[in-house]
Each structure stands twice: as C-alpha cells, then as structure tokens.
C-alpha cells in the first residue's frame, strides 16, 4: 500500500513578496498630467509634516521660549509656534529681497543635505 503513494515534493515555489511600497504605489490614483510648476497652489488650510535639524542649544532655547510664552502669545501648539517663526522669516526675506511680494515656485523638492561651503 505504501508503494502506491506519490513521492513527497518540496514546498511550492513562492513568488517574490511585494513590498509595502509596491502595494501603496499600485493603489494610488494616477498622477495628474499637469507639471508641478503649473499645479494649483495648496489650500491655505492644508498642512504637511516637515522635518529639519537644528542645533541642540537653539532647540532648547526655542522650547523654553515656547513653554514660557505660549499662553500669552496664544500658540495653539509647538507646530503653530514653529510655523509662525518660519513665516516671520519668510515675510522678512520677501520684504528685503522681493519688494514684499511672495517668491514664485516652492513646488519642487529641496535638495537633501547641507549646502557645500563656498
């Protein structure tokens, strides 16, 4: 009876596992045909997470200022504090370098890493 059995073979061959990124890419909406330069500007209420580096001493100083004054300045959050600080600098640069007008662009990704010193 045991002589009539089929020989046992190895496990079935496996297809390479799709990565999570591939699955996400496959489920995305097709990209718009419009180039980034012609894309509609982001809505004012739309937000995006940003990450940046700063010196530890500067970060501690900024946190101390935020914690000491957030209620008087009516900061909604640490993010609100940082966004307001950045926009104050943006406004200063627009006044100094562009007659108070917003600069064009801002839709392309910034190059990663530090600037090379000249």
PDB file of N, CA and C in Angstrom:
ATOM      1  N   UNK A   1       0.816  -1.184   0.000  1.00  0.00           N
ATOM      2  CA  UNK A   1       0.000   0.000   0.000  1.00  0.00           C
ATOM      3  C   UNK A   1       0.862   1.250   0.000  1.00  0.00           C
ATOM      4  N   UNK A   2       1.916   1.268   0.742  1.00  0.00           N
ATOM      5  CA  UNK A   2       2.771   2.439   0.762  1.00  0.00           C
ATOM      6  C   UNK A   2       3.540   2.619  -0.529  1.00  0.00           C
ATOM      7  N   UNK A   3       3.605   1.575  -1.333  1.00  0.00           N
ATOM      8  CA  UNK A   3       4.326   1.666  -2.598  1.00  0.00           C
ATOM      9  C   UNK A   3       3.518   2.417  -3.650  1.00  0.00           C
ATOM     10  N   UNK A   4       2.227   2.622  -3.499  1.00  0.00           N
ATOM     11  CA  UNK A   4       1.381   3.299  -4.469  1.00  0.00           C
ATOM     12  C   UNK A   4       1.309   4.810  -4.241  1.00  0.00           C
ATOM     13  N   UNK A   5       1.923   5.301  -3.225  1.00  0.00           N
ATOM     14  CA  UNK A   5       1.849   6.740  -2.920  1.00  0.00           C
ATOM     15  C   UNK A   5       2.771   7.537  -3.831  1.00  0.00           C
ATOM     16  N   UNK A   6       2.337   8.765  -4.084  1.00  0.00           N
ATOM     17  CA  UNK A   6       3.171   9.712  -4.839  1.00  0.00           C
ATOM     18  C   UNK A   6       4.308  10.177  -3.940  1.00  0.00           C
ATOM     19  N   UNK A   7       5.507  10.381  -4.488  1.00  0.00           N
ATOM     20  CA  UNK A   7       6.589  10.888  -3.651  1.00  0.00           C
ATOM     21  C   UNK A   7       6.282  12.310  -3.182  1.00  0.00           C
ATOM     22  N   UNK A   8       6.752  12.615  -2.007  1.00  0.00           N
ATOM     23  CA  UNK A   8       6.540  13.953  -1.440  1.00  0.00           C
ATOM     24  C   UNK A   8       7.540  14.905  -2.079  1.00  0.00           C
ATOM     25  N   UNK A   9       7.021  15.992  -2.588  1.00  0.00           N
ATOM     26  CA  UNK A   9       7.906  17.005  -3.195  1.00  0.00           C
ATOM     27  C   UNK A   9       8.086  18.161  -2.219  1.00  0.00           C
ATOM     28  N   UNK A  10       8.977  19.064  -2.566  1.00  0.00           N
ATOM     29  CA  UNK A  10       9.223  20.232  -1.718  1.00  0.00           C
ATOM     30  C   UNK A  10       8.050  21.191  -1.744  1.00  0.00           C
ATOM     31  N   UNK A  11       8.155  22.264  -1.007  1.00  0.00           N
ATOM     32  CA  UNK A  11       7.064  23.251  -0.972  1.00  0.00           C
ATOM     33  C   UNK A  11       6.899  23.908  -2.341  1.00  0.00           C
ATOM     34  N   UNK A  12       5.716  24.420  -2.604  1.00  0.00           N
ATOM     35  CA  UNK A  12       5.503  25.091  -3.897  1.00  0.00           C
ATOM     36  C   UNK A  12       6.402  26.319  -4.005  1.00  0.00           C
ATOM     37  N   UNK A  13       6.758  26.666  -5.231  1.00  0.00           N
ATOM     38  CA  UNK A  13       7.604  27.841  -5.431  1.00  0.00           C
ATOM     39  C   UNK A  13       6.818  29.085  -5.061  1.00  0.00           C
ATOM     40  N   UNK A  14       7.519  30.019  -4.449  1.00  0.00           N
ATOM     41  CA  UNK A  14       6.878  31.257  -3.999  1.00  0.00           C
ATOM     42  C   UNK A  14       7.255  32.387  -4.930  1.00  0.00           C
ATOM     43  N   UNK A  15       6.282  33.236  -5.157  1.00  0.00           N
ATOM     44  CA  UNK A  15       6.572  34.454  -5.901  1.00  0.00           C
ATOM     45  C   UNK A  15       7.264  35.423  -4.953  1.00  0.00           C
ATOM     46  N   UNK A  16       8.113  36.301  -5.470  1.00  0.00           N
ATOM     47  CA  UNK A  16       8.730  37.286  -4.575  1.00  0.00           C
ATOM     48  C   UNK A  16       7.649  38.123  -3.909  1.00  0.00           C
ATOM     49  N   UNK A  17       7.824  38.341  -2.634  1.00  0.00           N
ATOM     50  CA  UNK A  17       6.839  39.113  -1.874  1.00  0.00           C
ATOM     51  C   UNK A  17       6.863  40.565  -2.325  1.00  0.00           C
ATOM     52  N   UNK A  18       5.696  41.125  -2.530  1.00  0.00           N
ATOM     53  CA  UNK A  18       5.602  42.534  -2.902  1.00  0.00           C
ATOM     54  C   UNK A  18       5.838  43.381  -1.658  1.00  0.00           C
ATOM     55  N   UNK A  19       6.617  44.401  -1.816  1.00  0.00           N
ATOM     56  CA  UNK A  19       6.869  45.274  -0.673  1.00  0.00           C
ATOM     57  C   UNK A  19       5.655  46.148  -0.415  1.00  0.00           C
ATOM     58  N   UNK A  20       5.607  46.721   0.756  1.00  0.00           N
ATOM     59  CA  UNK A  20       4.507  47.624   1.113  1.00  0.00           C
ATOM     60  C   UNK A  20       4.486  48.815   0.161  1.00  0.00           C
ATOM     61  N   UNK A  21       5.671  49.308  -0.202  1.00  0.00           N
ATOM     62  CA  UNK A  21       5.733  50.446  -1.124  1.00  0.00           C
ATOM     63  C   UNK A  21       5.102  50.106  -2.460  1.00  0.00           C
ATOM     64  N   UNK A  22       5.356  48.876  -2.954  1.00  0.00           N
ATOM     65  CA  UNK A  22       4.754  48.466  -4.226  1.00  0.00           C
ATOM     66  C   UNK A  22       3.242  48.408  -4.125  1.00  0.00           C
ATOM     67  N   UNK A  23       2.751  47.912  -2.997  1.00  0.00           N
ATOM     68  CA  UNK A  23       1.308  47.854  -2.810  1.00  0.00           C
ATOM     69  C   UNK A  23       0.707  49.248  -2.743  1.00  0.00           C
ATOM     70  N   UNK A  24       1.372  50.150  -2.030  1.00  0.00           N
ATOM     71  CA  UNK A  24       0.871  51.519  -1.946  1.00  0.00           C
ATOM     72  C   UNK A  24       0.871  52.168  -3.325  1.00  0.00           C
ATOM     73  N   UNK A  25       1.955  51.980  -4.074  1.00  0.00           N
ATOM     74  CA  UNK A  25       2.075  52.560  -5.406  1.00  0.00           C
ATOM     75  C   UNK A  25       0.966  52.029  -6.310  1.00  0.00           C
ATOM     76  N   UNK A  26       0.661  50.736  -6.207  1.00  0.00           N
ATOM     77  CA  UNK A  26      -0.356  50.125  -7.053  1.00  0.00           C
ATOM     78  C   UNK A  26      -1.746  50.663  -6.751  1.00  0.00           C
ATOM     79  N   UNK A  27      -1.989  51.114  -5.530  1.00  0.00           N
ATOM     80  CA  UNK A  27      -3.310  51.589  -5.138  1.00  0.00           C
ATOM     81  C   UNK A  27      -3.483  53.089  -5.220  1.00  0.00           C
ATOM     82  N   UNK A  28      -2.464  53.803  -5.646  1.00  0.00           N
ATOM     83  CA  UNK A  28      -2.571  55.262  -5.763  1.00  0.00           C
ATOM     84  C   UNK A  28      -3.398  55.649  -6.970  1.00  0.00           C
ATOM     85  N   UNK A  29      -3.945  56.852  -6.873  1.00  0.00           N
ATOM     86  CA  UNK A  29      -4.627  57.443  -8.015  1.00  0.00           C
ATOM     87  C   UNK A  29      -3.583  57.768  -9.070  1.00  0.00           C
ATOM     88  N   UNK A  30      -3.914  57.722 -10.342  1.00  0.00           N
ATOM     89  CA  UNK A  30      -2.944  58.097 -11.363  1.00  0.00           C
ATOM     90  C   UNK A  30      -2.528  59.552 -11.184  1.00  0.00           C
ATOM     91  N   UNK A  31      -1.251  59.817 -11.417  1.00  0.00           N
ATOM     92  CA  UNK A  31      -0.726  61.178 -11.259  1.00  0.00           C
ATOM     93  C   UNK A  31      -1.332  62.084 -12.310  1.00  0.00           C
ATOM     94  N   UNK A  32      -1.534  63.324 -11.933  1.00  0.00           N
ATOM     95  CA  UNK A  32      -2.077  64.312 -12.860  1.00  0.00           C
ATOM     96  C   UNK A  32      -1.053  64.587 -13.949  1.00  0.00           C
ATOM     97  N   UNK A  33      -1.526  64.903 -15.118  1.00  0.00           N
ATOM     98  CA  UNK A  33      -0.650  65.185 -16.247  1.00  0.00           C
ATOM     99  C   UNK A  33      -0.036  66.575 -16.162  1.00  0.00           C
ATOM    100  N   UNK A  34      -0.512  67.408 -15.235  1.00  0.00           N
ATOM    101  CA  UNK A  34      -0.041  68.779 -15.113  1.00  0.00           C
ATOM    102  C   UNK A  34       1.345  68.809 -14.480  1.00  0.00           C
ATOM    103  N   UNK A  35       2.309  69.529 -15.079  1.00  0.00           N
ATOM    104  CA  UNK A  35       3.624  69.647 -14.440  1.00  0.00           C
ATOM    105  C   UNK A  35       3.514  70.358 -13.102  1.00  0.00           C
ATOM    106  N   UNK A  36       4.492  70.126 -12.229  1.00  0.00           N
ATOM    107  CA  UNK A  36       4.464  70.701 -10.879  1.00  0.00           C
ATOM    108  C   UNK A  36       4.420  72.219 -10.916  1.00  0.00           C
ATOM    109  N   UNK A  37       5.086  72.841 -11.873  1.00  0.00           N
ATOM    110  CA  UNK A  37       5.127  74.299 -11.946  1.00  0.00           C
ATOM    111  C   UNK A  37       3.737  74.876 -12.219  1.00  0.00           C
ATOM    112  N   UNK A  38       2.876  74.122 -12.916  1.00  0.00           N
ATOM    113  CA  UNK A  38       1.542  74.604 -13.238  1.00  0.00           C
ATOM    114  C   UNK A  38       0.486  74.086 -12.277  1.00  0.00           C
ATOM    115  N   UNK A  39       0.890  73.303 -11.302  1.00  0.00           N
ATOM    116  CA  UNK A  39      -0.065  72.723 -10.359  1.00  0.00           C
ATOM    117  C   UNK A  39      -0.740  73.826  -9.553  1.00  0.00           C
ATOM    118  N   UNK A  40      -1.964  73.567  -9.163  1.00  0.00           N
ATOM    119  CA  UNK A  40      -2.706  74.538  -8.365  1.00  0.00           C
ATOM    120  C   UNK A  40      -2.031  74.694  -7.005  1.00  0.00           C
ATOM    121  N   UNK A  41      -2.023  75.911  -6.456  1.00  0.00           N
ATOM    122  CA  UNK A  41      -1.403  76.100  -5.141  1.00  0.00           C
ATOM    123  C   UNK A  41      -2.175  75.345  -4.061  1.00  0.00           C
ATOM    124  N   UNK A  42      -1.458  74.960  -3.019  1.00  0.00           N
ATOM    125  CA  UNK A  42      -2.082  74.234  -1.914  1.00  0.00           C
ATOM    126  C   UNK A  42      -3.100  75.127  -1.212  1.00  0.00           C
ATOM    127  N   UNK A  43      -4.158  74.499  -0.726  1.00  0.00           N
ATOM    128  CA  UNK A  43      -5.156  75.266   0.018  1.00  0.00           C
ATOM    129  C   UNK A  43      -4.535  75.791   1.299  1.00  0.00           C
ATOM    130  N   UNK A  44      -5.030  76.916   1.776  1.00  0.00           N
ATOM    131  CA  UNK A  44      -4.476  77.570   2.953  1.00  0.00           C
ATOM    132  C   UNK A  44      -4.588  76.678   4.188  1.00  0.00           C
ATOM    133  N   UNK A  45      -5.633  75.891   4.290  1.00  0.00           N
ATOM    134  CA  UNK A  45      -5.840  75.068   5.479  1.00  0.00           C
ATOM    135  C   UNK A  45      -5.127  73.726   5.416  1.00  0.00           C
ATOM    136  N   UNK A  46      -4.590  73.376   4.258  1.00  0.00           N
ATOM    137  CA  UNK A  46      -3.904  72.096   4.109  1.00  0.00           C
ATOM    138  C   UNK A  46      -2.566  72.143   4.844  1.00  0.00           C
ATOM    139  N   UNK A  47      -2.220  71.057   5.540  1.00  0.00           N
ATOM    140  CA  UNK A  47      -0.957  71.014   6.272  1.00  0.00           C
ATOM    141  C   UNK A  47      -0.124  69.841   5.802  1.00  0.00           C
ATOM    142  N   UNK A  48       1.183  69.914   6.080  1.00  0.00           N
ATOM    143  CA  UNK A  48       2.103  68.853   5.730  1.00  0.00           C
ATOM    144  C   UNK A  48       3.179  68.789   6.796  1.00  0.00           C
ATOM    145  N   UNK A  49       3.559  67.593   7.198  1.00  0.00           N
ATOM    146  CA  UNK A  49       4.614  67.426   8.196  1.00  0.00           C
ATOM    147  C   UNK A  49       5.962  67.743   7.563  1.00  0.00           C
ATOM    148  N   UNK A  50       6.785  68.487   8.283  1.00  0.00           N
ATOM    149  CA  UNK A  50       8.143  68.802   7.835  1.00  0.00           C
ATOM    150  C   UNK A  50       9.127  68.382   8.915  1.00  0.00           C
ATOM    151  N   UNK A  51      10.313  68.040   8.498  1.00  0.00           N
ATOM    152  CA  UNK A  51      11.357  67.628   9.416  1.00  0.00           C
ATOM    153  C   UNK A  51      12.609  68.416   9.084  1.00  0.00           C
ATOM    154  N   UNK A  52      13.284  68.890  10.108  1.00  0.00           N
ATOM    155  CA  UNK A  52      14.517  69.626   9.891  1.00  0.00           C
ATOM    156  C   UNK A  52      15.421  69.446  11.089  1.00  0.00           C
ATOM    157  N   UNK A  53      16.649  69.824  10.935  1.00  0.00           N
ATOM    158  CA  UNK A  53      17.627  69.714  12.003  1.00  0.00           C
ATOM    159  C   UNK A  53      18.009  71.109  12.479  1.00  0.00           C
ATOM    160  N   UNK A  54      18.306  71.223  13.772  1.00  0.00           N
ATOM    161  CA  UNK A  54      18.836  72.468  14.315  1.00  0.00           C
ATOM    162  C   UNK A  54      19.727  72.137  15.495  1.00  0.00           C
ATOM    163  N   UNK A  55      20.567  73.075  15.838  1.00  0.00           N
ATOM    164  CA  UNK A  55      21.485  72.841  16.959  1.00  0.00           C
ATOM    165  C   UNK A  55      20.685  72.593  18.232  1.00  0.00           C
ATOM    166  N   UNK A  56      21.206  71.722  19.072  1.00  0.00           N
ATOM    167  CA  UNK A  56      20.522  71.351  20.314  1.00  0.00           C
ATOM    168  C   UNK A  56      20.306  72.575  21.198  1.00  0.00           C
ATOM    169  N   UNK A  57      21.313  73.428  21.313  1.00  0.00           N
ATOM    170  CA  UNK A  57      21.183  74.627  22.151  1.00  0.00           C
ATOM    171  C   UNK A  57      20.072  75.540  21.633  1.00  0.00           C
ATOM    172  N   UNK A  58      19.956  75.674  20.311  1.00  0.00           N
ATOM    173  CA  UNK A  58      18.895  76.505  19.736  1.00  0.00           C
ATOM    174  C   UNK A  58      17.523  75.886  19.975  1.00  0.00           C
ATOM    175  N   UNK A  59      17.435  74.559  19.866  1.00  0.00           N
ATOM    176  CA  UNK A  59      16.173  73.871  20.114  1.00  0.00           C
ATOM    177  C   UNK A  59      15.732  74.050  21.563  1.00  0.00           C
ATOM    178  N   UNK A  60      16.666  73.903  22.491  1.00  0.00           N
ATOM    179  CA  UNK A  60      16.335  74.085  23.908  1.00  0.00           C
ATOM    180  C   UNK A  60      15.875  75.514  24.179  1.00  0.00           C
ATOM    181  N   UNK A  61      16.534  76.476  23.560  1.00  0.00           N
ATOM    182  CA  UNK A  61      16.151  77.886  23.728  1.00  0.00           C
ATOM    183  C   UNK A  61      14.747  78.133  23.166  1.00  0.00           C
ATOM    184  N   UNK A  62      14.470  77.555  21.985  1.00  0.00           N
ATOM    185  CA  UNK A  62      13.151  77.728  21.368  1.00  0.00           C
ATOM    186  C   UNK A  62      12.064  77.081  22.229  1.00  0.00           C
ATOM    187  N   UNK A  63      12.332  75.875  22.739  1.00  0.00           N
ATOM    188  CA  UNK A  63      11.354  75.200  23.601  1.00  0.00           C
ATOM    189  C   UNK A  63      11.089  75.997  24.865  1.00  0.00           C
ATOM    190  N   UNK A  64      12.134  76.558  25.446  1.00  0.00           N
ATOM    191  CA  UNK A  64      11.971  77.362  26.661  1.00  0.00           C
ATOM    192  C   UNK A  64      11.112  78.585  26.379  1.00  0.00           C
ATOM    193  N   UNK A  65      11.364  79.248  25.250  1.00  0.00           N
ATOM    194  CA  UNK A  65      10.571  80.427  24.887  1.00  0.00           C
ATOM    195  C   UNK A  65       9.115  80.036  24.648  1.00  0.00           C
ATOM    196  N   UNK A  66       8.905  78.930  23.978  1.00  0.00           N
ATOM    197  CA  UNK A  66       7.543  78.462  23.718  1.00  0.00           C
ATOM    198  C   UNK A  66       6.814  78.145  25.025  1.00  0.00           C
ATOM    199  N   UNK A  67       7.476  77.386  25.897  1.00  0.00           N
ATOM    200  CA  UNK A  67       6.835  76.993  27.149  1.00  0.00           C
ATOM    201  C   UNK A  67       6.550  78.198  28.039  1.00  0.00           C
ATOM    202  N   UNK A  68       7.426  79.187  28.024  1.00  0.00           N
ATOM    203  CA  UNK A  68       7.248  80.355  28.891  1.00  0.00           C
ATOM    204  C   UNK A  68       6.188  81.318  28.375  1.00  0.00           C
ATOM    205  N   UNK A  69       5.945  81.337  27.066  1.00  0.00           N
ATOM    206  CA  UNK A  69       5.086  82.383  26.497  1.00  0.00           C
ATOM    207  C   UNK A  69       3.913  81.872  25.676  1.00  0.00           C
ATOM    208  N   UNK A  70       3.733  80.563  25.564  1.00  0.00           N
ATOM    209  CA  UNK A  70       2.697  80.059  24.651  1.00  0.00           C
ATOM    210  C   UNK A  70       1.296  80.538  25.010  1.00  0.00           C
ATOM    211  N   UNK A  71       0.998  80.667  26.295  1.00  0.00           N
ATOM    212  CA  UNK A  71      -0.346  81.134  26.653  1.00  0.00           C
ATOM    213  C   UNK A  71      -0.528  82.624  26.366  1.00  0.00           C
ATOM    214  N   UNK A  72       0.509  83.436  26.616  1.00  0.00           N
ATOM    215  CA  UNK A  72       0.400  84.875  26.326  1.00  0.00           C
ATOM    216  C   UNK A  72       0.347  85.147  24.821  1.00  0.00           C
ATOM    217  N   UNK A  73       1.083  84.357  24.046  1.00  0.00           N
ATOM    218  CA  UNK A  73       1.120  84.557  22.593  1.00  0.00           C
ATOM    219  C   UNK A  73       0.020  83.784  21.875  1.00  0.00           C
ATOM    220  N   UNK A  74      -0.745  82.985  22.639  1.00  0.00           N
ATOM    221  CA  UNK A  74      -1.864  82.222  22.117  1.00  0.00           C
ATOM    222  C   UNK A  74      -1.430  81.236  21.032  1.00  0.00           C
ATOM    223  N   UNK A  75      -0.297  80.547  21.262  1.00  0.00           N
ATOM    224  CA  UNK A  75       0.131  79.500  20.348  1.00  0.00           C
ATOM    225  C   UNK A  75      -0.789  78.304  20.525  1.00  0.00           C
ATOM    226  N   UNK A  76      -1.302  77.782  19.445  1.00  0.00           N
ATOM    227  CA  UNK A  76      -2.169  76.614  19.519  1.00  0.00           C
ATOM    228  C   UNK A  76      -1.371  75.360  19.842  1.00  0.00           C
ATOM    229  N   UNK A  77      -0.091  75.329  19.414  1.00  0.00           N
ATOM    230  CA  UNK A  77       0.744  74.152  19.612  1.00  0.00           C
ATOM    231  C   UNK A  77       2.197  74.511  19.300  1.00  0.00           C
ATOM    232  N   UNK A  78       3.093  73.548  19.559  1.00  0.00           N
ATOM    233  CA  UNK A  78       4.507  73.715  19.182  1.00  0.00           C
ATOM    234  C   UNK A  78       4.605  73.908  17.664  1.00  0.00           C
ATOM    235  N   UNK A  79       3.812  73.165  16.908  1.00  0.00           N
ATOM    236  CA  UNK A  79       3.807  73.310  15.448  1.00  0.00           C
ATOM    237  C   UNK A  79       3.393  74.713  15.042  1.00  0.00           C
ATOM    238  N   UNK A  80       2.387  75.262  15.713  1.00  0.00           N
ATOM    239  CA  UNK A  80       1.940  76.623  15.423  1.00  0.00           C
ATOM    240  C   UNK A  80       3.057  77.620  15.705  1.00  0.00           C
ATOM    241  N   UNK A  81       3.758  77.430  16.803  1.00  0.00           N
ATOM    242  CA  UNK A  81       4.885  78.297  17.166  1.00  0.00           C
ATOM    243  C   UNK A  81       5.964  78.261  16.084  1.00  0.00           C
ATOM    244  N   UNK A  82       6.347  77.059  15.654  1.00  0.00           N
ATOM    245  CA  UNK A  82       7.394  76.909  14.636  1.00  0.00           C
ATOM    246  C   UNK A  82       6.937  77.506  13.309  1.00  0.00           C
ATOM    247  N   UNK A  83       5.693  77.228  12.910  1.00  0.00           N
ATOM    248  CA  UNK A  83       5.177  77.760  11.652  1.00  0.00           C
ATOM    249  C   UNK A  83       5.170  79.284  11.658  1.00  0.00           C
ATOM    250  N   UNK A  84       4.767  79.884  12.776  1.00  0.00           N
ATOM    251  CA  UNK A  84       4.764  81.349  12.861  1.00  0.00           C
ATOM    252  C   UNK A  84       6.175  81.904  12.784  1.00  0.00           C
ATOM    253  N   UNK A  85       7.132  81.237  13.434  1.00  0.00           N
ATOM    254  CA  UNK A  85       8.520  81.694  13.380  1.00  0.00           C
ATOM    255  C   UNK A  85       9.053  81.634  11.951  1.00  0.00           C
ATOM    256  N   UNK A  86       8.767  80.550  11.253  1.00  0.00           N
ATOM    257  CA  UNK A  86       9.227  80.414   9.866  1.00  0.00           C
ATOM    258  C   UNK A  86       8.564  81.469   8.993  1.00  0.00           C
ATOM    259  N   UNK A  87       7.273  81.673   9.143  1.00  0.00           N
ATOM    260  CA  UNK A  87       6.576  82.653   8.300  1.00  0.00           C
ATOM    261  C   UNK A  87       7.026  84.079   8.590  1.00  0.00           C
ATOM    262  N   UNK A  88       7.428  84.371   9.823  1.00  0.00           N
ATOM    263  CA  UNK A  88       8.003  85.692  10.098  1.00  0.00           C
ATOM    264  C   UNK A  88       9.285  85.895   9.309  1.00  0.00           C
ATOM    265  N   UNK A  89      10.136  84.875   9.233  1.00  0.00           N
ATOM    266  CA  UNK A  89      11.369  84.966   8.449  1.00  0.00           C
ATOM    267  C   UNK A  89      11.077  85.033   6.956  1.00  0.00           C
ATOM    268  N   UNK A  90      10.082  84.293   6.505  1.00  0.00           N
ATOM    269  CA  UNK A  90       9.683  84.349   5.093  1.00  0.00           C
ATOM    270  C   UNK A  90       9.245  85.771   4.740  1.00  0.00           C
ATOM    271  N   UNK A  91       8.408  86.366   5.577  1.00  0.00           N
ATOM    272  CA  UNK A  91       7.959  87.739   5.337  1.00  0.00           C
ATOM    273  C   UNK A  91       9.109  88.728   5.306  1.00  0.00           C
ATOM    274  N   UNK A  92      10.075  88.568   6.199  1.00  0.00           N
ATOM    275  CA  UNK A  92      11.246  89.454   6.210  1.00  0.00           C
ATOM    276  C   UNK A  92      12.031  89.332   4.918  1.00  0.00           C
ATOM    277  N   UNK A  93      12.255  88.118   4.463  1.00  0.00           N
ATOM    278  CA  UNK A  93      13.014  87.910   3.223  1.00  0.00           C
ATOM    279  C   UNK A  93      12.262  88.430   2.012  1.00  0.00           C
ATOM    280  N   UNK A  94      10.945  88.287   2.003  1.00  0.00           N
ATOM    281  CA  UNK A  94      10.160  88.835   0.897  1.00  0.00           C
ATOM    282  C   UNK A  94      10.254  90.355   0.873  1.00  0.00           C
ATOM    283  N   UNK A  95      10.207  90.993   2.057  1.00  0.00           N
ATOM    284  CA  UNK A  95      10.341  92.455   2.120  1.00  0.00           C
ATOM    285  C   UNK A  95      11.714  92.902   1.649  1.00  0.00           C
ATOM    286  N   UNK A  96      12.765  92.239   2.117  1.00  0.00           N
ATOM    287  CA  UNK A  96      14.138  92.655   1.824  1.00  0.00           C
ATOM    288  C   UNK A  96      14.533  92.341   0.388  1.00  0.00           C
ATOM    289  N   UNK A  97      14.165  91.181  -0.117  1.00  0.00           N
ATOM    290  CA  UNK A  97      14.698  90.714  -1.394  1.00  0.00           C
ATOM    291  C   UNK A  97      13.712  90.696  -2.550  1.00  0.00           C
ATOM    292  N   UNK A  98      12.417  90.934  -2.313  1.00  0.00           N
ATOM    293  CA  UNK A  98      11.438  90.798  -3.397  1.00  0.00           C
ATOM    294  C   UNK A  98      10.329  91.837  -3.304  1.00  0.00           C
ATOM    295  N   UNK A  99      10.651  93.022  -2.805  1.00  0.00           N
ATOM    296  CA  UNK A  99       9.688  94.128  -2.716  1.00  0.00           C
ATOM    297  C   UNK A  99       8.403  93.736  -1.985  1.00  0.00           C
ATOM    298  N   UNK A 100       8.498  92.861  -1.009  1.00  0.00           N
ATOM    299  CA  UNK A 100       7.348  92.465  -0.211  1.00  0.00           C
ATOM    300  C   UNK A 100       6.425  91.470  -0.889  1.00  0.00           C
ATOM    301  N   UNK A 101       6.771  91.013  -2.088  1.00  0.00           N
ATOM    302  CA  UNK A 101       5.941  90.063  -2.821  1.00  0.00           C
ATOM    303  C   UNK A 101       6.398  88.634  -2.550  1.00  0.00           C
ATOM    304  N   UNK A 102       5.470  87.672  -2.553  1.00  0.00           N
ATOM    305  CA  UNK A 102       5.885  86.272  -2.401  1.00  0.00           C
ATOM    306  C   UNK A 102       6.772  85.845  -3.567  1.00  0.00           C
ATOM    307  N   UNK A 103       7.758  85.013  -3.297  1.00  0.00           N
ATOM    308  CA  UNK A 103       8.600  84.451  -4.344  1.00  0.00           C
ATOM    309  C   UNK A 103       7.788  83.427  -5.125  1.00  0.00           C
ATOM    310  N   UNK A 104       8.112  83.257  -6.390  1.00  0.00           N
ATOM    311  CA  UNK A 104       7.426  82.227  -7.180  1.00  0.00           C
ATOM    312  C   UNK A 104       8.072  80.873  -6.906  1.00  0.00           C
ATOM    313  N   UNK A 105       7.362  79.825  -7.249  1.00  0.00           N
ATOM    314  CA  UNK A 105       7.905  78.477  -7.081  1.00  0.00           C
ATOM    315  C   UNK A 105       7.508  77.883  -5.752  1.00  0.00           C
ATOM    316  N   UNK A 106       8.408  77.083  -5.203  1.00  0.00           N
ATOM    317  CA  UNK A 106       8.154  76.431  -3.931  1.00  0.00           C
ATOM    318  C   UNK A 106       7.475  75.082  -4.071  1.00  0.00           C
ATOM    319  N   UNK A 107       7.269  74.618  -5.309  1.00  0.00           N
ATOM    320  CA  UNK A 107       6.600  73.340  -5.508  1.00  0.00           C
ATOM    321  C   UNK A 107       7.578  72.184  -5.666  1.00  0.00           C
ATOM    322  N   UNK A 108       8.826  72.480  -6.006  1.00  0.00           N
ATOM    323  CA  UNK A 108       9.819  71.415  -6.193  1.00  0.00           C
ATOM    324  C   UNK A 108      10.403  70.996  -4.853  1.00  0.00           C
ATOM    325  N   UNK A 109      10.859  69.743  -4.784  1.00  0.00           N
ATOM    326  CA  UNK A 109      11.517  69.252  -3.571  1.00  0.00           C
ATOM    327  C   UNK A 109      12.857  69.947  -3.400  1.00  0.00           C
ATOM    328  N   UNK A 110      13.218  70.202  -2.156  1.00  0.00           N
ATOM    329  CA  UNK A 110      14.519  70.783  -1.874  1.00  0.00           C
ATOM    330  C   UNK A 110      15.582  69.691  -1.953  1.00  0.00           C
ATOM    331  N   UNK A 111      16.793  70.084  -2.296  1.00  0.00           N
ATOM    332  CA  UNK A 111      17.854  69.091  -2.354  1.00  0.00           C
ATOM    333  C   UNK A 111      18.211  68.668  -0.937  1.00  0.00           C
ATOM    334  N   UNK A 112      18.393  67.378  -0.704  1.00  0.00           N
ATOM    335  CA  UNK A 112      18.709  66.906   0.648  1.00  0.00           C
ATOM    336  C   UNK A 112      20.133  67.247   1.026  1.00  0.00           C
ATOM    337  N   UNK A 113      20.373  67.329   2.300  1.00  0.00           N
ATOM    338  CA  UNK A 113      21.724  67.548   2.794  1.00  0.00           C
ATOM    339  C   UNK A 113      22.065  69.006   2.969  1.00  0.00           C
ATOM    340  N   UNK A 114      23.277  69.213   3.397  1.00  0.00           N
ATOM    341  CA  UNK A 114      23.751  70.570   3.664  1.00  0.00           C
ATOM    342  C   UNK A 114      24.316  71.208   2.407  1.00  0.00           C
ATOM    343  N   UNK A 115      24.283  72.536   2.395  1.00  0.00           N
ATOM    344  CA  UNK A 115      24.936  73.281   1.331  1.00  0.00           C
ATOM    345  C   UNK A 115      26.441  73.127   1.492  1.00  0.00           C
ATOM    346  N   UNK A 116      27.129  73.024   0.396  1.00  0.00           N
ATOM    347  CA  UNK A 116      28.585  72.996   0.463  1.00  0.00           C
ATOM    348  C   UNK A 116      29.076  74.405   0.705  1.00  0.00           C
ATOM    349  N   UNK A 117      30.068  74.566   1.575  1.00  0.00           N
ATOM    350  CA  UNK A 117      30.591  75.906   1.829  1.00  0.00           C
ATOM    351  C   UNK A 117      31.386  76.373   0.618  1.00  0.00           C
ATOM    352  N   UNK A 118      31.312  77.673   0.375  1.00  0.00           N
ATOM    353  CA  UNK A 118      31.996  78.206  -0.803  1.00  0.00           C
ATOM    354  C   UNK A 118      33.357  78.755  -0.492  1.00  0.00           C
TER     355      UNK A 118
END
